[in-house]
Structure formats: structure tokens, C-alpha cells
Amino acid sequence: KDIALANKETLVTAGHLIMPMAEKY
């Protein structure tokens, strides 16, 4: 799923996990 991101905490705390995942999928 594409993410329309309005939740700040997702990238603040887990950006190093989220961004590579988004690229992978």
C-alpha cells in the first residue's frame, strides 16, 4: 500500500526501517 503519511512518529523513531522497506516493496 502507498502511505499518505500524517503520523510524525513513524519516521522520527523508525525512519531507518520505514524508508528502506518502502523502497523494497
PDB file of all heavy atoms in Angstrom:
ATOM      1  N   LYS A   1       0.836  -1.206   0.000  1.00  0.00           N
ATOM      2  CA  LYS A   1       0.000   0.000   0.000  1.00  0.00           C
ATOM      3  C   LYS A   1       0.869   1.253   0.000  1.00  0.00           C
ATOM      4  O   LYS A   1       1.860   1.329   0.727  1.00  0.00           O
ATOM      5  CB  LYS A   1      -0.898   0.047   1.248  1.00  0.00           C
ATOM      6  CG  LYS A   1      -1.580  -1.260   1.610  1.00  0.00           C
ATOM      7  CD  LYS A   1      -2.528  -1.740   0.529  1.00  0.00           C
ATOM      8  CE  LYS A   1      -3.191  -3.046   0.944  1.00  0.00           C
ATOM      9  NZ  LYS A   1      -3.995  -3.629  -0.146  1.00  0.00           N
ATOM     10  N   ASP A   2       0.480   2.252  -0.779  1.00  0.00           N
ATOM     11  CA  ASP A   2       1.089   3.569  -0.640  1.00  0.00           C
ATOM     12  C   ASP A   2       0.650   4.164   0.694  1.00  0.00           C
ATOM     13  O   ASP A   2      -0.457   3.882   1.190  1.00  0.00           O
ATOM     14  CB  ASP A   2       0.679   4.497  -1.780  1.00  0.00           C
ATOM     15  CG  ASP A   2       1.329   4.114  -3.108  1.00  0.00           C
ATOM     16  OD1 ASP A   2       2.417   3.504  -3.086  1.00  0.00           O
ATOM     17  OD2 ASP A   2       0.741   4.408  -4.169  1.00  0.00           O
ATOM     18  N   ILE A   3       1.510   5.003   1.277  1.00  0.00           N
ATOM     19  CA  ILE A   3       1.237   5.587   2.590  1.00  0.00           C
ATOM     20  C   ILE A   3       1.066   7.089   2.457  1.00  0.00           C
ATOM     21  O   ILE A   3       1.993   7.795   2.036  1.00  0.00           O
ATOM     22  CB  ILE A   3       2.387   5.296   3.582  1.00  0.00           C
ATOM     23  CG1 ILE A   3       2.695   3.797   3.663  1.00  0.00           C
ATOM     24  CG2 ILE A   3       2.046   5.871   4.959  1.00  0.00           C
ATOM     25  CD1 ILE A   3       1.575   2.946   4.186  1.00  0.00           C
ATOM     26  N   ALA A   4      -0.125   7.592   2.804  1.00  0.00           N
ATOM     27  CA  ALA A   4      -0.327   9.032   2.952  1.00  0.00           C
ATOM     28  C   ALA A   4      -0.011   9.339   4.410  1.00  0.00           C
ATOM     29  O   ALA A   4      -0.817   9.095   5.310  1.00  0.00           O
ATOM     30  CB  ALA A   4      -1.754   9.422   2.594  1.00  0.00           C
ATOM     31  N   LEU A   5       1.187   9.847   4.647  1.00  0.00           N
ATOM     32  CA  LEU A   5       1.765   9.873   5.993  1.00  0.00           C
ATOM     33  C   LEU A   5       1.447  11.172   6.734  1.00  0.00           C
ATOM     34  O   LEU A   5       1.913  12.243   6.360  1.00  0.00           O
ATOM     35  CB  LEU A   5       3.280   9.694   5.903  1.00  0.00           C
ATOM     36  CG  LEU A   5       4.041   9.614   7.226  1.00  0.00           C
ATOM     37  CD1 LEU A   5       3.695   8.327   7.963  1.00  0.00           C
ATOM     38  CD2 LEU A   5       5.538   9.705   6.993  1.00  0.00           C
ATOM     39  N   ALA A   6       0.642  11.051   7.797  1.00  0.00           N
ATOM     40  CA  ALA A   6       0.382  12.185   8.677  1.00  0.00           C
ATOM     41  C   ALA A   6       0.837  11.883  10.096  1.00  0.00           C
ATOM     42  O   ALA A   6       0.657  12.695  10.995  1.00  0.00           O
ATOM     43  CB  ALA A   6      -1.101  12.534   8.675  1.00  0.00           C
ATOM     44  N   ASN A   7       1.429  10.713  10.307  1.00  0.00           N
ATOM     45  CA  ASN A   7       1.895  10.292  11.629  1.00  0.00           C
ATOM     46  C   ASN A   7       3.391  10.565  11.731  1.00  0.00           C
ATOM     47  O   ASN A   7       4.208   9.880  11.123  1.00  0.00           O
ATOM     48  CB  ASN A   7       1.592   8.803  11.835  1.00  0.00           C
ATOM     49  CG  ASN A   7       2.188   8.261  13.126  1.00  0.00           C
ATOM     50  OD1 ASN A   7       3.346   7.880  13.169  1.00  0.00           O
ATOM     51  ND2 ASN A   7       1.405   8.244  14.173  1.00  0.00           N
ATOM     52  N   LYS A   8       3.764  11.607  12.471  1.00  0.00           N
ATOM     53  CA  LYS A   8       5.166  12.018  12.561  1.00  0.00           C
ATOM     54  C   LYS A   8       6.050  10.945  13.185  1.00  0.00           C
ATOM     55  O   LYS A   8       7.201  10.744  12.791  1.00  0.00           O
ATOM     56  CB  LYS A   8       5.278  13.303  13.375  1.00  0.00           C
ATOM     57  CG  LYS A   8       4.755  14.544  12.673  1.00  0.00           C
ATOM     58  CD  LYS A   8       4.924  15.756  13.564  1.00  0.00           C
ATOM     59  CE  LYS A   8       4.677  17.046  12.790  1.00  0.00           C
ATOM     60  NZ  LYS A   8       3.339  17.104  12.210  1.00  0.00           N
ATOM     61  N   GLU A   9       5.496  10.272  14.191  1.00  0.00           N
ATOM     62  CA  GLU A   9       6.310   9.370  14.989  1.00  0.00           C
ATOM     63  C   GLU A   9       6.883   8.215  14.184  1.00  0.00           C
ATOM     64  O   GLU A   9       7.932   7.664  14.520  1.00  0.00           O
ATOM     65  CB  GLU A   9       5.477   8.838  16.162  1.00  0.00           C
ATOM     66  CG  GLU A   9       5.054   9.888  17.167  1.00  0.00           C
ATOM     67  CD  GLU A   9       3.843  10.706  16.733  1.00  0.00           C
ATOM     68  OE1 GLU A   9       3.244  10.393  15.679  1.00  0.00           O
ATOM     69  OE2 GLU A   9       3.494  11.654  17.452  1.00  0.00           O
ATOM     70  N   THR A  10       6.215   7.836  13.108  1.00  0.00           N
ATOM     71  CA  THR A  10       6.657   6.706  12.293  1.00  0.00           C
ATOM     72  C   THR A  10       8.071   6.918  11.771  1.00  0.00           C
ATOM     73  O   THR A  10       8.935   6.049  11.906  1.00  0.00           O
ATOM     74  CB  THR A  10       5.680   6.478  11.124  1.00  0.00           C
ATOM     75  OG1 THR A  10       4.406   6.113  11.657  1.00  0.00           O
ATOM     76  CG2 THR A  10       6.165   5.368  10.205  1.00  0.00           C
ATOM     77  N   LEU A  11       8.324   8.059  11.165  1.00  0.00           N
ATOM     78  CA  LEU A  11       9.662   8.321  10.626  1.00  0.00           C
ATOM     79  C   LEU A  11      10.619   8.831  11.685  1.00  0.00           C
ATOM     80  O   LEU A  11      11.822   8.563  11.611  1.00  0.00           O
ATOM     81  CB  LEU A  11       9.586   9.320   9.466  1.00  0.00           C
ATOM     82  CG  LEU A  11       8.922   8.816   8.187  1.00  0.00           C
ATOM     83  CD1 LEU A  11       9.068   9.849   7.071  1.00  0.00           C
ATOM     84  CD2 LEU A  11       9.502   7.490   7.728  1.00  0.00           C
ATOM     85  N   VAL A  12      10.119   9.567  12.666  1.00  0.00           N
ATOM     86  CA  VAL A  12      11.003  10.084  13.715  1.00  0.00           C
ATOM     87  C   VAL A  12      11.714   8.945  14.430  1.00  0.00           C
ATOM     88  O   VAL A  12      12.925   8.987  14.667  1.00  0.00           O
ATOM     89  CB  VAL A  12      10.195  10.938  14.720  1.00  0.00           C
ATOM     90  CG1 VAL A  12      11.017  11.210  15.988  1.00  0.00           C
ATOM     91  CG2 VAL A  12       9.785  12.256  14.075  1.00  0.00           C
ATOM     92  N   THR A  13      10.976   7.900  14.764  1.00  0.00           N
ATOM     93  CA  THR A  13      11.559   6.816  15.551  1.00  0.00           C
ATOM     94  C   THR A  13      12.027   5.640  14.701  1.00  0.00           C
ATOM     95  O   THR A  13      12.915   4.898  15.116  1.00  0.00           O
ATOM     96  CB  THR A  13      10.537   6.292  16.584  1.00  0.00           C
ATOM     97  OG1 THR A  13       9.423   5.723  15.896  1.00  0.00           O
ATOM     98  CG2 THR A  13      10.057   7.413  17.480  1.00  0.00           C
ATOM     99  N   ALA A  14      11.428   5.465  13.525  1.00  0.00           N
ATOM    100  CA  ALA A  14      11.718   4.264  12.728  1.00  0.00           C
ATOM    101  C   ALA A  14      11.985   4.577  11.264  1.00  0.00           C
ATOM    102  O   ALA A  14      11.802   3.720  10.409  1.00  0.00           O
ATOM    103  CB  ALA A  14      10.559   3.270  12.856  1.00  0.00           C
ATOM    104  N   GLY A  15      12.448   5.780  10.970  1.00  0.00           N
ATOM    105  CA  GLY A  15      12.732   6.144   9.585  1.00  0.00           C
ATOM    106  C   GLY A  15      13.760   5.242   8.938  1.00  0.00           C
ATOM    107  O   GLY A  15      13.675   4.926   7.742  1.00  0.00           O
ATOM    108  N   HIS A  16      14.729   4.769   9.753  1.00  0.00           N
ATOM    109  CA  HIS A  16      15.781   3.893   9.228  1.00  0.00           C
ATOM    110  C   HIS A  16      15.232   2.517   8.849  1.00  0.00           C
ATOM    111  O   HIS A  16      15.878   1.773   8.113  1.00  0.00           O
ATOM    112  CB  HIS A  16      16.906   3.751  10.257  1.00  0.00           C
ATOM    113  CG  HIS A  16      16.477   3.122  11.553  1.00  0.00           C
ATOM    114  ND1 HIS A  16      15.604   3.725  12.427  1.00  0.00           N
ATOM    115  CD2 HIS A  16      16.797   1.923  12.117  1.00  0.00           C
ATOM    116  CE1 HIS A  16      15.404   2.939  13.470  1.00  0.00           C
ATOM    117  NE2 HIS A  16      16.108   1.841  13.307  1.00  0.00           N
ATOM    118  N   LEU A  17      14.044   2.192   9.348  1.00  0.00           N
ATOM    119  CA  LEU A  17      13.381   0.941   8.975  1.00  0.00           C
ATOM    120  C   LEU A  17      12.354   1.165   7.869  1.00  0.00           C
ATOM    121  O   LEU A  17      12.247   0.365   6.938  1.00  0.00           O
ATOM    122  CB  LEU A  17      12.673   0.334  10.205  1.00  0.00           C
ATOM    123  CG  LEU A  17      13.531   0.060  11.446  1.00  0.00           C
ATOM    124  CD1 LEU A  17      12.654  -0.436  12.587  1.00  0.00           C
ATOM    125  CD2 LEU A  17      14.627  -0.960  11.134  1.00  0.00           C
ATOM    126  N   ILE A  18      11.604   2.255   7.968  1.00  0.00           N
ATOM    127  CA  ILE A  18      10.481   2.512   7.063  1.00  0.00           C
ATOM    128  C   ILE A  18      10.938   2.809   5.645  1.00  0.00           C
ATOM    129  O   ILE A  18      10.409   2.236   4.669  1.00  0.00           O
ATOM    130  CB  ILE A  18       9.621   3.675   7.586  1.00  0.00           C
ATOM    131  CG1 ILE A  18       8.981   3.319   8.935  1.00  0.00           C
ATOM    132  CG2 ILE A  18       8.559   4.077   6.554  1.00  0.00           C
ATOM    133  CD1 ILE A  18       7.936   2.244   8.874  1.00  0.00           C
ATOM    134  N   MET A  19      11.899   3.705   5.483  1.00  0.00           N
ATOM    135  CA  MET A  19      12.276   4.130   4.132  1.00  0.00           C
ATOM    136  C   MET A  19      12.886   2.985   3.312  1.00  0.00           C
ATOM    137  O   MET A  19      12.521   2.809   2.140  1.00  0.00           O
ATOM    138  CB  MET A  19      13.212   5.333   4.193  1.00  0.00           C
ATOM    139  CG  MET A  19      12.571   6.580   4.821  1.00  0.00           C
ATOM    140  SD  MET A  19      10.952   7.038   4.135  1.00  0.00           S
ATOM    141  CE  MET A  19      11.434   7.597   2.485  1.00  0.00           C
ATOM    142  N   PRO A  20      13.784   2.159   3.865  1.00  0.00           N
ATOM    143  CA  PRO A  20      14.260   1.004   3.094  1.00  0.00           C
ATOM    144  C   PRO A  20      13.141   0.013   2.770  1.00  0.00           C
ATOM    145  O   PRO A  20      13.127  -0.586   1.691  1.00  0.00           O
ATOM    146  CB  PRO A  20      15.310   0.372   4.006  1.00  0.00           C
ATOM    147  CG  PRO A  20      15.777   1.474   4.893  1.00  0.00           C
ATOM    148  CD  PRO A  20      14.565   2.321   5.117  1.00  0.00           C
ATOM    149  N   MET A  21      12.180  -0.156   3.685  1.00  0.00           N
ATOM    150  CA  MET A  21      11.036  -1.038   3.421  1.00  0.00           C
ATOM    151  C   MET A  21      10.212  -0.523   2.254  1.00  0.00           C
ATOM    152  O   MET A  21       9.790  -1.289   1.380  1.00  0.00           O
ATOM    153  CB  MET A  21      10.139  -1.126   4.661  1.00  0.00           C
ATOM    154  CG  MET A  21      10.514  -2.182   5.665  1.00  0.00           C
ATOM    155  SD  MET A  21       9.209  -2.335   6.914  1.00  0.00           S
ATOM    156  CE  MET A  21       7.919  -3.128   5.948  1.00  0.00           C
ATOM    157  N   ALA A  22       9.952   0.786   2.242  1.00  0.00           N
ATOM    158  CA  ALA A  22       9.159   1.371   1.167  1.00  0.00           C
ATOM    159  C   ALA A  22       9.839   1.163  -0.180  1.00  0.00           C
ATOM    160  O   ALA A  22       9.183   0.845  -1.184  1.00  0.00           O
ATOM    161  CB  ALA A  22       8.938   2.861   1.427  1.00  0.00           C
ATOM    162  N   GLU A  23      11.158   1.311  -0.199  1.00  0.00           N
ATOM    163  CA  GLU A  23      11.903   1.088  -1.445  1.00  0.00           C
ATOM    164  C   GLU A  23      11.846  -0.377  -1.855  1.00  0.00           C
ATOM    165  O   GLU A  23      11.630  -0.710  -3.026  1.00  0.00           O
ATOM    166  CB  GLU A  23      13.350   1.540  -1.276  1.00  0.00           C
ATOM    167  CG  GLU A  23      14.177   1.432  -2.546  1.00  0.00           C
ATOM    168  CD  GLU A  23      15.569   1.991  -2.386  1.00  0.00           C
ATOM    169  OE1 GLU A  23      15.911   2.487  -1.295  1.00  0.00           O
ATOM    170  OE2 GLU A  23      16.331   1.938  -3.371  1.00  0.00           O
ATOM    171  N   LYS A  24      12.004  -1.270  -0.873  1.00  0.00           N
ATOM    172  CA  LYS A  24      11.992  -2.709  -1.155  1.00  0.00           C
ATOM    173  C   LYS A  24      10.657  -3.144  -1.753  1.00  0.00           C
ATOM    174  O   LYS A  24      10.619  -3.938  -2.707  1.00  0.00           O
ATOM    175  CB  LYS A  24      12.265  -3.480   0.130  1.00  0.00           C
ATOM    176  CG  LYS A  24      12.168  -5.000  -0.023  1.00  0.00           C
ATOM    177  CD  LYS A  24      12.410  -5.708   1.310  1.00  0.00           C
ATOM    178  CE  LYS A  24      12.212  -7.210   1.172  1.00  0.00           C
ATOM    179  NZ  LYS A  24      12.414  -7.908   2.468  1.00  0.00           N
ATOM    180  N   TYR A  25       9.553  -2.648  -1.199  1.00  0.00           N
ATOM    181  CA  TYR A  25       8.225  -3.083  -1.639  1.00  0.00           C
ATOM    182  C   TYR A  25       7.636  -2.178  -2.725  1.00  0.00           C
ATOM    183  O   TYR A  25       6.511  -2.401  -3.168  1.00  0.00           O
ATOM    184  CB  TYR A  25       7.276  -3.165  -0.438  1.00  0.00           C
ATOM    185  CG  TYR A  25       7.583  -4.332   0.462  1.00  0.00           C
ATOM    186  CD1 TYR A  25       8.391  -4.181   1.595  1.00  0.00           C
ATOM    187  CD2 TYR A  25       7.092  -5.607   0.185  1.00  0.00           C
ATOM    188  CE1 TYR A  25       8.688  -5.251   2.422  1.00  0.00           C
ATOM    189  CE2 TYR A  25       7.386  -6.690   1.010  1.00  0.00           C
ATOM    190  CZ  TYR A  25       8.186  -6.504   2.117  1.00  0.00           C
ATOM    191  OH  TYR A  25       8.482  -7.564   2.938  1.00  0.00           O
TER     192      TYR A  25
END
